N, C-alpha and C. Protein backbone atom coordinates (compact mmCIF):
# COMPACT_ATOMS: atom_id res chain seq x y z
N MET A 1 -12.84 -15.60 12.31
CA MET A 1 -12.69 -15.74 10.66
C MET A 1 -11.07 -15.44 10.32
N ARG A 2 -10.83 -16.10 9.63
CA ARG A 2 -9.33 -16.36 8.97
C ARG A 2 -9.60 -15.08 7.89
N ARG A 3 -8.27 -14.70 7.81
CA ARG A 3 -8.22 -13.42 6.31
C ARG A 3 -6.90 -13.65 5.90
N LEU A 4 -6.85 -13.72 4.60
CA LEU A 4 -5.55 -13.89 3.85
C LEU A 4 -5.33 -12.48 3.67
N VAL A 5 -4.30 -11.68 3.88
CA VAL A 5 -3.79 -10.34 3.38
C VAL A 5 -2.74 -10.70 2.33
N ILE A 6 -2.91 -10.00 1.04
CA ILE A 6 -1.85 -9.76 0.04
C ILE A 6 -1.50 -8.50 -0.28
N ASP A 7 -0.18 -8.56 -0.12
CA ASP A 7 0.65 -6.80 -0.48
C ASP A 7 1.59 -6.81 -1.51
N SER A 8 1.53 -6.51 -2.54
CA SER A 8 2.62 -6.37 -3.57
C SER A 8 2.62 -5.29 -4.53
N ALA A 9 2.19 -4.26 -3.79
CA ALA A 9 2.16 -2.61 -4.69
C ALA A 9 3.24 -1.75 -4.26
N THR A 10 4.41 -2.52 -3.91
CA THR A 10 5.62 -1.43 -4.05
C THR A 10 6.88 -2.53 -4.07
N GLU A 11 7.82 -2.51 -4.11
CA GLU A 11 8.95 -2.95 -4.14
C GLU A 11 8.92 -4.55 -3.20
N ALA A 12 8.05 -4.18 -2.11
CA ALA A 12 8.16 -5.11 -1.13
C ALA A 12 7.07 -5.85 -1.61
N CYS A 13 6.92 -7.63 -1.11
CA CYS A 13 6.08 -8.53 -1.71
C CYS A 13 5.85 -9.19 -0.10
N SER A 14 4.43 -9.38 0.38
CA SER A 14 4.20 -10.11 1.53
C SER A 14 2.94 -10.52 1.55
N VAL A 15 2.92 -11.67 2.15
CA VAL A 15 1.52 -12.32 2.56
C VAL A 15 1.37 -12.43 3.80
N ALA A 16 -0.04 -12.63 4.40
CA ALA A 16 -0.41 -13.05 6.04
C ALA A 16 -1.24 -13.78 5.79
N LEU A 17 -1.49 -14.70 7.02
CA LEU A 17 -2.87 -15.39 7.27
C LEU A 17 -3.38 -15.06 8.78
N PHE A 18 -4.48 -14.48 8.88
CA PHE A 18 -4.82 -13.88 10.33
C PHE A 18 -6.04 -14.70 10.79
N ASP A 19 -6.08 -15.14 12.04
CA ASP A 19 -7.42 -15.37 12.61
C ASP A 19 -7.70 -14.14 13.73
N GLY A 20 -8.91 -13.37 13.20
CA GLY A 20 -9.06 -12.28 13.69
C GLY A 20 -8.12 -11.25 13.57
N ALA A 21 -7.33 -11.16 14.90
CA ALA A 21 -6.56 -10.10 14.78
C ALA A 21 -4.92 -10.58 14.97
N GLU A 22 -5.18 -12.37 15.44
CA GLU A 22 -4.14 -13.10 15.62
C GLU A 22 -3.35 -13.41 14.11
N LEU A 23 -1.98 -13.18 14.21
CA LEU A 23 -1.07 -13.53 12.85
C LEU A 23 -0.70 -15.24 13.04
N ILE A 24 -1.35 -15.97 12.11
CA ILE A 24 -1.02 -17.13 11.88
C ILE A 24 0.20 -17.33 11.22
N ALA A 25 0.56 -16.66 10.56
CA ALA A 25 2.14 -16.84 9.64
C ALA A 25 1.84 -15.80 8.67
N GLY A 26 3.19 -15.85 8.19
CA GLY A 26 3.17 -14.69 7.06
C GLY A 26 4.70 -14.46 6.79
N THR A 27 4.90 -14.09 5.41
CA THR A 27 6.49 -13.70 5.01
C THR A 27 6.48 -12.44 4.39
N HIS A 28 7.70 -11.95 4.30
CA HIS A 28 7.70 -10.50 3.66
C HIS A 28 9.10 -10.57 2.92
N ALA A 29 9.25 -10.11 1.46
CA ALA A 29 10.61 -10.07 0.99
C ALA A 29 10.68 -8.82 -0.06
N MET A 30 11.94 -8.52 0.05
CA MET A 30 11.96 -7.03 -0.96
C MET A 30 12.39 -7.70 -2.18
N LEU A 31 11.35 -7.81 -3.14
CA LEU A 31 11.68 -8.24 -4.50
C LEU A 31 12.11 -7.39 -5.44
N GLY A 32 11.70 -6.08 -5.36
CA GLY A 32 12.13 -5.03 -6.59
C GLY A 32 11.06 -5.25 -7.64
N ARG A 33 11.48 -6.62 -8.47
CA ARG A 33 10.40 -7.13 -9.34
C ARG A 33 10.45 -8.59 -9.25
N GLY A 34 9.52 -9.17 -10.18
CA GLY A 34 9.45 -10.62 -10.00
C GLY A 34 8.10 -10.75 -9.37
N HIS A 35 7.34 -9.94 -8.70
CA HIS A 35 6.30 -10.03 -7.98
C HIS A 35 5.12 -11.32 -8.51
N ALA A 36 4.98 -11.16 -9.84
CA ALA A 36 3.87 -12.14 -10.50
C ALA A 36 4.81 -13.41 -10.34
N GLU A 37 5.80 -13.71 -10.24
CA GLU A 37 6.31 -15.39 -9.93
C GLU A 37 6.45 -15.57 -8.75
N GLN A 38 6.60 -14.73 -7.53
CA GLN A 38 6.33 -15.12 -6.47
C GLN A 38 5.56 -15.13 -5.67
N LEU A 39 4.51 -14.41 -5.91
CA LEU A 39 3.18 -14.09 -5.09
C LEU A 39 2.46 -15.34 -4.69
N VAL A 40 2.31 -16.07 -6.06
CA VAL A 40 1.11 -17.44 -5.67
C VAL A 40 2.23 -18.32 -4.77
N PRO A 41 3.49 -18.69 -5.09
CA PRO A 41 4.11 -19.65 -4.28
C PRO A 41 4.37 -19.04 -2.63
N MET A 42 4.22 -17.65 -2.47
CA MET A 42 4.22 -17.20 -1.10
C MET A 42 3.07 -17.53 -0.49
N ILE A 43 1.72 -17.37 -1.30
CA ILE A 43 0.43 -17.85 -0.40
C ILE A 43 0.52 -19.44 -0.48
N ALA A 44 1.03 -20.06 -1.16
CA ALA A 44 0.74 -21.55 -1.15
C ALA A 44 1.41 -21.91 0.04
N ALA A 45 2.45 -21.53 0.42
CA ALA A 45 3.55 -21.93 1.38
C ALA A 45 2.76 -21.62 2.97
N LEU A 46 1.75 -20.81 2.86
CA LEU A 46 1.00 -20.47 4.03
C LEU A 46 0.20 -21.81 4.65
N PRO A 47 -0.22 -21.53 6.05
CA PRO A 47 -0.88 -22.98 6.32
C PRO A 47 -2.09 -23.15 5.58
N GLY A 48 -2.69 -24.17 4.98
CA GLY A 48 -3.95 -24.47 4.46
C GLY A 48 -3.73 -23.80 3.19
N LYS A 49 -2.80 -23.44 2.65
CA LYS A 49 -2.24 -22.90 1.34
C LYS A 49 -2.99 -21.42 1.34
N GLY A 50 -3.27 -21.04 2.48
CA GLY A 50 -3.86 -19.52 2.51
C GLY A 50 -5.42 -19.56 2.79
N ARG A 51 -5.62 -20.82 2.73
CA ARG A 51 -7.16 -20.83 2.66
C ARG A 51 -8.28 -19.87 3.60
N ALA A 52 -8.98 -18.90 3.26
CA ALA A 52 -9.49 -18.20 4.29
C ALA A 52 -10.79 -17.65 4.01
N ASP A 53 -11.42 -16.95 4.82
CA ASP A 53 -13.03 -16.69 4.91
C ASP A 53 -12.90 -15.41 4.11
N ALA A 54 -12.03 -14.60 4.03
CA ALA A 54 -11.82 -13.29 3.46
C ALA A 54 -10.73 -12.87 3.06
N ILE A 55 -10.48 -11.92 2.16
CA ILE A 55 -9.13 -11.42 1.66
C ILE A 55 -8.91 -10.09 1.74
N ALA A 56 -7.85 -9.64 2.11
CA ALA A 56 -7.60 -8.18 2.03
C ALA A 56 -6.55 -7.70 1.09
N VAL A 57 -6.68 -6.81 0.42
CA VAL A 57 -5.27 -6.59 -0.55
C VAL A 57 -4.93 -5.02 -0.50
N ASN A 58 -3.42 -5.01 -0.59
CA ASN A 58 -3.29 -3.64 -1.01
C ASN A 58 -3.57 -2.99 -2.14
N ALA A 59 -4.73 -2.13 -2.23
CA ALA A 59 -4.98 -1.64 -4.06
C ALA A 59 -4.29 -0.37 -4.31
N GLY A 60 -3.02 0.09 -3.84
CA GLY A 60 -2.31 1.09 -3.93
C GLY A 60 -2.44 2.32 -3.19
N PRO A 61 -1.90 3.33 -3.41
CA PRO A 61 -0.83 3.35 -4.64
C PRO A 61 0.35 2.96 -4.46
N GLY A 62 0.88 2.44 -5.64
CA GLY A 62 2.15 2.09 -6.07
C GLY A 62 2.48 1.84 -7.28
N SER A 63 3.26 0.39 -7.58
CA SER A 63 3.24 0.06 -8.86
C SER A 63 2.42 -0.49 -9.75
N PHE A 64 1.83 0.02 -10.89
CA PHE A 64 0.96 -0.59 -11.71
C PHE A 64 1.08 -2.15 -11.92
N THR A 65 2.36 -2.35 -12.04
CA THR A 65 2.34 -4.04 -12.46
C THR A 65 1.92 -4.59 -10.61
N GLY A 66 2.48 -4.18 -9.93
CA GLY A 66 2.30 -4.96 -8.44
C GLY A 66 1.05 -4.69 -7.77
N ILE A 67 0.30 -3.61 -8.25
CA ILE A 67 -0.92 -3.70 -7.77
C ILE A 67 -1.97 -4.46 -8.80
N ARG A 68 -1.75 -4.50 -9.96
CA ARG A 68 -2.54 -5.66 -10.65
C ARG A 68 -2.39 -7.17 -10.72
N VAL A 69 -1.02 -7.50 -10.15
CA VAL A 69 -0.50 -8.75 -9.76
C VAL A 69 -1.55 -8.93 -8.48
N GLY A 70 -1.55 -8.32 -7.21
CA GLY A 70 -2.00 -8.45 -5.83
C GLY A 70 -3.65 -8.30 -6.34
N LEU A 71 -4.04 -7.79 -7.07
CA LEU A 71 -5.48 -7.62 -7.22
C LEU A 71 -5.94 -8.87 -8.19
N ALA A 72 -5.40 -9.19 -9.15
CA ALA A 72 -5.79 -10.40 -9.95
C ALA A 72 -5.26 -11.65 -9.18
N ALA A 73 -4.45 -11.81 -8.01
CA ALA A 73 -4.53 -13.11 -7.16
C ALA A 73 -5.75 -13.00 -6.03
N ALA A 74 -5.92 -11.66 -5.33
CA ALA A 74 -7.34 -11.62 -4.65
C ALA A 74 -8.36 -11.86 -5.01
N ARG A 75 -8.88 -11.50 -6.73
CA ARG A 75 -9.84 -11.99 -7.35
C ARG A 75 -10.24 -13.10 -7.49
N ALA A 76 -8.92 -14.07 -7.82
CA ALA A 76 -9.03 -15.37 -8.43
C ALA A 76 -9.32 -16.02 -7.30
N LEU A 77 -8.62 -15.82 -6.28
CA LEU A 77 -8.74 -16.68 -5.04
C LEU A 77 -10.27 -16.50 -4.04
N ALA A 78 -10.78 -15.04 -4.21
CA ALA A 78 -12.15 -14.92 -4.07
C ALA A 78 -13.09 -15.66 -4.37
N LEU A 79 -12.83 -15.72 -6.04
CA LEU A 79 -13.98 -16.26 -6.56
C LEU A 79 -13.95 -17.81 -6.54
N ALA A 80 -12.55 -18.32 -6.37
CA ALA A 80 -12.70 -19.97 -6.24
C ALA A 80 -13.13 -20.24 -4.71
N TRP A 81 -12.65 -19.22 -3.68
CA TRP A 81 -13.28 -19.66 -2.49
C TRP A 81 -14.84 -19.34 -2.07
N GLN A 82 -15.05 -18.49 -3.00
CA GLN A 82 -16.54 -17.93 -2.79
C GLN A 82 -16.56 -16.86 -1.47
N VAL A 83 -15.66 -16.10 -1.25
CA VAL A 83 -15.39 -15.35 -0.13
C VAL A 83 -15.23 -13.63 -0.39
N PRO A 84 -15.63 -12.93 0.37
CA PRO A 84 -15.22 -11.49 -0.07
C PRO A 84 -14.04 -10.84 0.10
N ILE A 85 -13.47 -10.01 -0.69
CA ILE A 85 -12.31 -9.26 -0.91
C ILE A 85 -12.43 -7.82 -0.59
N GLU A 86 -11.72 -7.26 0.12
CA GLU A 86 -11.58 -5.86 0.77
C GLU A 86 -9.98 -5.23 0.32
N GLY A 87 -9.95 -3.98 -0.13
CA GLY A 87 -9.03 -3.29 -0.35
C GLY A 87 -8.50 -2.23 0.98
N TYR A 88 -7.22 -1.86 0.77
CA TYR A 88 -6.96 -0.97 2.07
C TYR A 88 -5.56 -0.34 1.11
N SER A 89 -5.49 0.91 1.75
CA SER A 89 -4.33 2.13 1.04
C SER A 89 -3.16 1.50 1.52
N CYS A 90 -1.99 1.52 0.49
CA CYS A 90 -0.56 1.07 0.68
C CYS A 90 -0.09 2.65 1.79
N LEU A 91 -0.61 3.63 1.56
CA LEU A 91 0.16 4.83 2.65
C LEU A 91 -0.49 4.68 4.06
N ALA A 92 -1.64 4.01 4.05
CA ALA A 92 -2.25 4.02 5.50
C ALA A 92 -2.04 3.12 5.99
N LEU A 93 -1.50 1.91 5.40
CA LEU A 93 -0.90 0.85 6.41
C LEU A 93 0.46 1.35 6.80
N VAL A 94 1.24 1.81 5.91
CA VAL A 94 2.66 2.53 6.49
C VAL A 94 2.67 3.30 7.49
N ALA A 95 1.82 4.07 7.57
CA ALA A 95 1.22 5.06 8.90
C ALA A 95 1.01 4.26 9.77
N ALA A 96 -0.02 3.28 9.64
CA ALA A 96 -0.08 2.69 10.95
C ALA A 96 1.20 1.97 11.43
N MET A 97 1.99 1.38 10.54
CA MET A 97 3.00 0.75 11.26
C MET A 97 3.82 1.51 11.92
N ALA A 98 4.20 2.81 11.08
CA ALA A 98 4.79 3.80 11.87
C ALA A 98 4.25 4.47 13.25
N ARG A 99 3.15 4.35 13.48
CA ARG A 99 2.22 4.54 14.42
C ARG A 99 2.71 3.60 15.53
N ALA A 100 2.77 2.32 15.43
CA ALA A 100 3.32 1.25 16.14
C ALA A 100 4.18 1.56 17.14
N ALA A 101 5.16 2.37 16.29
CA ALA A 101 6.36 2.92 17.06
C ALA A 101 6.78 4.27 17.61
N ASN A 102 5.64 5.11 16.90
CA ASN A 102 5.35 6.35 17.42
C ASN A 102 4.22 6.90 17.69
N PRO A 103 3.47 6.32 18.75
CA PRO A 103 2.12 6.82 19.00
C PRO A 103 2.21 8.50 19.22
N ASP A 104 0.79 8.80 18.98
CA ASP A 104 0.60 10.18 19.03
C ASP A 104 1.39 11.05 18.30
N ALA A 105 1.93 10.51 17.16
CA ALA A 105 2.91 11.60 16.40
C ALA A 105 2.38 11.72 15.15
N ALA A 106 2.36 12.86 14.80
CA ALA A 106 2.04 13.26 13.63
C ALA A 106 3.19 12.73 12.36
N ILE A 107 2.68 11.96 11.29
CA ILE A 107 3.57 11.43 10.32
C ILE A 107 3.11 11.82 8.95
N ASP A 108 4.31 11.87 8.35
CA ASP A 108 3.95 12.15 6.91
C ASP A 108 4.78 11.02 6.09
N VAL A 109 4.13 10.32 5.08
CA VAL A 109 4.11 8.90 4.48
C VAL A 109 4.66 9.39 2.90
N VAL A 110 6.01 8.78 2.36
CA VAL A 110 6.45 9.29 1.22
C VAL A 110 6.87 8.04 0.50
N MET A 111 6.35 7.53 -0.57
CA MET A 111 6.41 6.50 -1.21
C MET A 111 7.10 6.65 -2.82
N SER A 112 7.32 5.72 -3.48
CA SER A 112 8.08 5.90 -4.46
C SER A 112 6.87 5.90 -5.48
N GLY A 113 6.93 7.02 -6.46
CA GLY A 113 6.08 6.86 -7.33
C GLY A 113 6.34 6.63 -8.77
N GLY A 114 5.80 7.10 -9.96
CA GLY A 114 6.31 6.67 -11.05
C GLY A 114 6.56 8.52 -12.02
N HIS A 115 7.79 8.19 -12.47
CA HIS A 115 8.09 9.06 -13.31
C HIS A 115 8.57 10.23 -12.40
N GLY A 116 9.81 9.86 -11.74
CA GLY A 116 10.46 10.58 -10.55
C GLY A 116 9.34 11.28 -9.67
N GLU A 117 8.00 10.90 -9.44
CA GLU A 117 7.43 11.87 -8.24
C GLU A 117 6.85 10.70 -7.36
N TRP A 118 6.69 11.49 -6.38
CA TRP A 118 6.53 10.69 -4.95
C TRP A 118 5.03 10.49 -4.60
N PHE A 119 4.34 9.67 -3.85
CA PHE A 119 3.23 9.62 -3.27
C PHE A 119 3.44 9.99 -1.91
N PHE A 120 2.54 10.95 -1.60
CA PHE A 120 3.02 11.66 -0.47
C PHE A 120 1.34 11.53 0.27
N GLN A 121 1.40 11.86 1.53
CA GLN A 121 0.07 11.75 2.43
C GLN A 121 0.43 11.88 3.93
N PRO A 122 -0.36 12.98 4.45
CA PRO A 122 -0.04 13.62 5.93
C PRO A 122 -0.89 12.84 6.79
N PHE A 123 -0.47 12.24 7.98
CA PHE A 123 -1.18 11.78 9.10
C PHE A 123 -1.54 12.64 10.18
N ALA A 124 -2.36 12.98 10.83
CA ALA A 124 -2.35 13.66 12.27
C ALA A 124 -1.93 12.66 13.33
N ALA A 125 -1.53 13.45 14.30
CA ALA A 125 -1.29 12.45 15.70
C ALA A 125 -2.52 11.49 16.02
N ASN A 126 -3.42 11.53 15.73
CA ASN A 126 -4.67 10.62 16.06
C ASN A 126 -4.79 9.51 15.23
N GLY A 127 -3.98 9.50 13.97
CA GLY A 127 -3.85 8.50 13.06
C GLY A 127 -5.07 8.96 11.79
N ALA A 128 -5.62 9.80 11.67
CA ALA A 128 -6.30 10.46 10.84
C ALA A 128 -5.69 10.76 9.36
N ALA A 129 -6.16 10.68 8.18
CA ALA A 129 -5.45 11.24 7.17
C ALA A 129 -5.84 12.95 7.02
N LEU A 130 -4.86 13.57 6.91
CA LEU A 130 -4.97 15.20 6.83
C LEU A 130 -5.41 15.44 5.38
N ALA A 131 -4.92 14.81 4.41
CA ALA A 131 -5.17 15.14 2.97
C ALA A 131 -5.62 13.69 2.15
N GLU A 132 -6.07 13.74 0.99
CA GLU A 132 -5.85 12.45 0.07
C GLU A 132 -4.32 12.30 -0.36
N THR A 133 -4.01 11.03 -0.92
CA THR A 133 -2.94 10.80 -1.53
C THR A 133 -2.64 11.67 -2.36
N ALA A 134 -1.47 11.87 -2.93
CA ALA A 134 -1.23 12.95 -3.99
C ALA A 134 0.26 12.55 -4.50
N SER A 135 0.43 12.64 -5.80
CA SER A 135 1.70 12.18 -6.35
C SER A 135 2.18 13.56 -6.91
N LEU A 136 3.36 13.86 -6.30
CA LEU A 136 4.12 15.18 -6.37
C LEU A 136 5.64 14.79 -6.67
N LEU A 137 6.17 16.02 -7.07
CA LEU A 137 7.44 16.10 -7.39
C LEU A 137 8.26 16.38 -6.01
N PRO A 138 9.27 15.83 -6.07
CA PRO A 138 10.03 15.89 -4.70
C PRO A 138 9.98 17.14 -3.92
N GLU A 139 10.25 18.36 -4.86
CA GLU A 139 10.14 19.82 -4.42
C GLU A 139 8.77 20.22 -3.62
N ALA A 140 7.95 19.51 -4.34
CA ALA A 140 6.41 19.61 -3.76
C ALA A 140 6.29 18.91 -2.52
N ALA A 141 6.56 17.48 -2.36
CA ALA A 141 6.30 16.89 -1.59
C ALA A 141 7.34 17.57 -0.25
N ALA A 142 8.58 17.98 -0.32
CA ALA A 142 9.14 18.84 0.68
C ALA A 142 8.35 20.03 1.02
N ALA A 143 7.99 20.40 0.08
CA ALA A 143 7.08 21.96 0.55
C ALA A 143 5.75 21.66 1.44
N HIS A 144 4.94 20.27 0.88
CA HIS A 144 3.99 20.12 1.66
C HIS A 144 4.28 19.13 3.10
N SER A 145 5.61 18.82 3.13
CA SER A 145 5.75 17.94 4.20
C SER A 145 5.97 18.66 5.83
N ALA A 146 5.24 18.74 6.90
CA ALA A 146 5.56 19.67 8.06
C ALA A 146 5.73 18.40 9.41
N ALA A 147 5.36 17.07 9.21
CA ALA A 147 5.38 16.61 10.46
C ALA A 147 6.84 15.98 10.96
N GLY A 148 6.93 15.55 12.07
CA GLY A 148 8.38 15.55 12.61
C GLY A 148 8.87 14.24 12.25
N ILE A 149 7.89 13.12 11.71
CA ILE A 149 8.35 12.08 11.40
C ILE A 149 7.94 11.66 9.91
N VAL A 150 8.90 11.52 9.30
CA VAL A 150 8.50 10.96 7.70
C VAL A 150 9.02 9.48 7.79
N VAL A 151 8.24 8.93 7.03
CA VAL A 151 8.51 7.03 6.88
C VAL A 151 8.21 6.94 5.46
N GLY A 152 8.65 6.05 4.76
CA GLY A 152 8.15 5.50 3.63
C GLY A 152 9.43 5.07 2.82
N SER A 153 9.45 4.65 1.79
CA SER A 153 10.37 4.55 0.90
C SER A 153 11.36 5.14 0.50
N GLN A 154 10.86 6.65 0.37
CA GLN A 154 11.43 7.86 0.18
C GLN A 154 11.69 8.77 1.36
N ALA A 155 11.73 8.19 2.41
CA ALA A 155 11.41 8.87 3.76
C ALA A 155 12.80 9.55 3.76
N GLU A 156 14.10 8.98 3.58
CA GLU A 156 15.70 9.89 3.97
C GLU A 156 15.53 11.03 2.64
N ALA A 157 15.15 10.28 1.60
CA ALA A 157 15.29 11.74 0.62
C ALA A 157 14.49 12.87 0.71
N LEU A 158 13.18 12.87 1.25
CA LEU A 158 12.48 13.57 1.50
C LEU A 158 12.96 14.41 2.96
N ALA A 159 13.51 13.83 4.10
CA ALA A 159 13.77 14.34 5.10
C ALA A 159 15.11 15.49 4.42
N ALA A 160 16.04 14.85 3.89
CA ALA A 160 17.28 15.55 3.19
C ALA A 160 16.97 16.95 2.79
N ARG A 161 15.74 16.82 1.78
CA ARG A 161 15.21 17.97 1.16
C ARG A 161 14.58 18.84 2.32
N ARG A 162 14.04 18.71 3.31
CA ARG A 162 13.39 19.58 4.21
C ARG A 162 14.42 19.96 5.10
N GLY A 163 15.53 19.27 5.31
CA GLY A 163 16.83 19.83 6.21
C GLY A 163 16.61 18.99 7.64
N ALA A 164 16.87 20.32 8.41
CA ALA A 164 16.43 19.78 9.96
C ALA A 164 15.19 19.61 10.39
N GLY A 165 14.78 18.72 11.13
CA GLY A 165 13.52 19.12 12.11
C GLY A 165 12.77 17.80 11.35
N ALA A 166 13.24 16.69 10.78
CA ALA A 166 12.40 15.58 10.41
C ALA A 166 13.35 14.31 10.39
N ALA A 167 12.55 13.29 11.37
CA ALA A 167 13.21 12.11 11.76
C ALA A 167 12.66 11.12 10.44
N ALA A 168 13.92 10.32 9.96
CA ALA A 168 13.30 9.56 8.78
C ALA A 168 13.63 8.35 8.85
N HIS A 169 12.51 7.56 8.36
CA HIS A 169 12.50 6.10 8.87
C HIS A 169 11.88 5.14 7.47
N PRO A 170 12.94 4.78 6.58
CA PRO A 170 12.70 3.77 5.89
C PRO A 170 11.51 2.71 6.05
N LEU A 171 10.60 2.75 5.12
CA LEU A 171 9.48 1.59 5.77
C LEU A 171 8.83 1.14 4.51
N TRP A 172 8.41 0.07 4.69
CA TRP A 172 7.83 -0.50 3.53
C TRP A 172 6.12 -1.37 4.00
N PRO A 173 5.10 -1.38 3.18
CA PRO A 173 4.35 -2.20 3.62
C PRO A 173 4.43 -3.58 3.84
N ASP A 174 3.72 -3.99 4.78
CA ASP A 174 3.86 -5.42 5.28
C ASP A 174 2.75 -6.06 5.87
N ALA A 175 2.18 -7.26 5.13
CA ALA A 175 0.90 -7.94 5.37
C ALA A 175 0.99 -8.30 6.62
N ARG A 176 1.90 -8.60 7.22
CA ARG A 176 2.06 -9.16 8.62
C ARG A 176 1.89 -8.15 9.48
N ALA A 177 1.65 -6.85 9.25
CA ALA A 177 1.19 -5.63 10.13
C ALA A 177 -0.22 -5.35 9.92
N PHE A 178 -1.13 -6.09 8.96
CA PHE A 178 -2.33 -5.68 8.71
C PHE A 178 -3.43 -5.71 9.83
N ALA A 179 -3.04 -6.04 11.20
CA ALA A 179 -4.14 -5.85 12.29
C ALA A 179 -3.81 -4.42 12.59
N LEU A 180 -2.90 -3.54 12.12
CA LEU A 180 -2.47 -2.35 12.99
C LEU A 180 -3.62 -1.45 12.16
N LEU A 181 -4.13 -2.00 11.24
CA LEU A 181 -5.12 -1.10 10.40
C LEU A 181 -6.71 -1.34 11.05
N GLY A 182 -7.36 -0.16 11.29
CA GLY A 182 -8.63 -0.47 11.71
C GLY A 182 -9.99 -0.90 10.60
N SER A 183 -10.91 -1.46 10.99
CA SER A 183 -11.95 -1.74 9.91
C SER A 183 -12.32 -0.83 9.04
N ALA A 184 -12.31 0.35 9.52
CA ALA A 184 -12.83 1.58 8.81
C ALA A 184 -11.52 1.40 7.53
N ALA A 185 -10.34 0.96 7.44
CA ALA A 185 -9.45 1.62 6.58
C ALA A 185 -9.86 0.52 5.51
N LEU A 186 -10.88 -0.48 5.38
CA LEU A 186 -10.91 -1.42 4.55
C LEU A 186 -12.15 -0.93 3.49
N ARG A 187 -12.15 -1.40 2.24
CA ARG A 187 -13.06 -0.86 1.34
C ARG A 187 -13.37 -2.04 0.65
N PRO A 188 -14.90 -2.37 0.46
CA PRO A 188 -15.28 -3.71 -0.19
C PRO A 188 -15.29 -3.65 -1.97
N ASP A 189 -14.74 -4.60 -2.56
CA ASP A 189 -14.78 -4.63 -3.86
C ASP A 189 -14.01 -3.65 -4.55
N PRO A 190 -12.57 -3.93 -4.05
CA PRO A 190 -11.56 -2.62 -4.09
C PRO A 190 -11.41 -2.60 -5.87
N LEU A 191 -10.87 -1.46 -5.87
CA LEU A 191 -10.52 -0.98 -7.56
C LEU A 191 -9.15 -0.42 -7.34
N PRO A 192 -8.22 -0.66 -8.11
CA PRO A 192 -6.86 -0.34 -8.19
C PRO A 192 -6.65 1.43 -7.86
N ARG A 193 -5.73 1.89 -7.18
CA ARG A 193 -5.50 2.83 -6.77
C ARG A 193 -3.82 3.51 -7.03
N TYR A 194 -4.03 3.82 -8.41
CA TYR A 194 -2.62 4.21 -8.90
C TYR A 194 -1.90 4.94 -8.52
N GLY A 195 -2.53 6.33 -7.84
CA GLY A 195 -2.24 7.67 -7.47
C GLY A 195 -1.85 8.58 -8.17
N ARG A 196 -1.73 8.35 -9.69
CA ARG A 196 -1.67 8.96 -10.52
C ARG A 196 -2.42 8.91 -11.88
N ALA A 197 -2.38 9.51 -12.76
CA ALA A 197 -3.20 9.15 -14.30
C ALA A 197 -2.23 8.37 -15.05
N PRO A 198 -2.96 7.68 -15.77
CA PRO A 198 -2.14 6.69 -16.74
C PRO A 198 -1.42 7.10 -17.64
N ASP A 199 0.07 6.80 -17.92
CA ASP A 199 0.69 7.36 -18.96
C ASP A 199 0.06 7.47 -20.33
N ALA A 200 -0.63 6.24 -20.50
CA ALA A 200 -1.31 6.23 -22.15
C ALA A 200 -2.51 6.44 -21.79
N ARG A 201 -3.25 7.52 -22.65
CA ARG A 201 -4.43 7.83 -23.11
C ARG A 201 -5.16 7.02 -24.49
N LEU A 202 -6.54 6.66 -24.28
CA LEU A 202 -7.11 6.40 -25.81
C LEU A 202 -7.48 7.74 -26.36
N PRO A 203 -7.05 7.65 -27.52
CA PRO A 203 -7.35 8.68 -28.36
C PRO A 203 -8.60 9.18 -28.26
N ALA A 204 -9.09 10.33 -28.48
CA ALA A 204 -10.16 11.08 -28.60
C ALA A 204 -10.90 10.87 -29.53
N ALA A 205 -12.50 10.22 -29.37
CA ALA A 205 -13.34 9.72 -30.41
C ALA A 205 -13.22 10.72 -31.41
N THR A 206 -13.61 10.33 -32.67
CA THR A 206 -13.12 11.04 -33.75
C THR A 206 -14.91 11.84 -34.14
N GLN A 207 -14.39 12.65 -34.13
CA GLN A 207 -15.83 13.42 -34.62
C GLN A 207 -16.53 13.47 -35.94
N PRO A 208 -17.92 13.32 -35.89
CA PRO A 208 -18.38 13.11 -37.52
C PRO A 208 -18.34 14.40 -38.58
N ALA A 209 -18.17 14.21 -39.33
CA ALA A 209 -18.10 15.07 -40.39
C ALA A 209 -19.43 15.85 -40.65
N ALA A 210 -19.12 17.23 -40.63
CA ALA A 210 -20.52 18.23 -40.77
C ALA A 210 -20.95 17.81 -41.76
């Protein structure tokens, strides 16, 4: 089965085409901005324009815009091709990428969040998540971090706050590493996982006059 993987939830943007666990083709770029303009051409440049039997997409947490861009592209293609769509966690993929180089090691993943906060999630030596993803201020993330290896876009900053005892490896999700995730990491019909409450809230409903 061929699967198209779309990952645009962070500063990085990547796509990949797999046949089972075998990578057919893929590309990865550090864009910062401009995911909406770059993502579709990246997919179109894949063999067969990325046509696949299933689609997997990074559903977050990460950038509000990046998550929406990736999900919109995945849903449009899934509808056009009449194929299923599944989602995976941004931090779970980064953890899986880190474990490939550091097997049997506990790993803390820390990624850029919004308004000065970081997305943080610890993973045990067997790869299991020890807690749900949290959006924390840097001081709180440092207080929660205990693993000897810290990875992610804010890995160096977190290790510096912790002081000695943490090896930092800057890392961003890469669709080409999707095969490192197990099937249990996929969720059907993915919804965006922004990792924190939205900044804007709808006004409370007006109460009827007594």
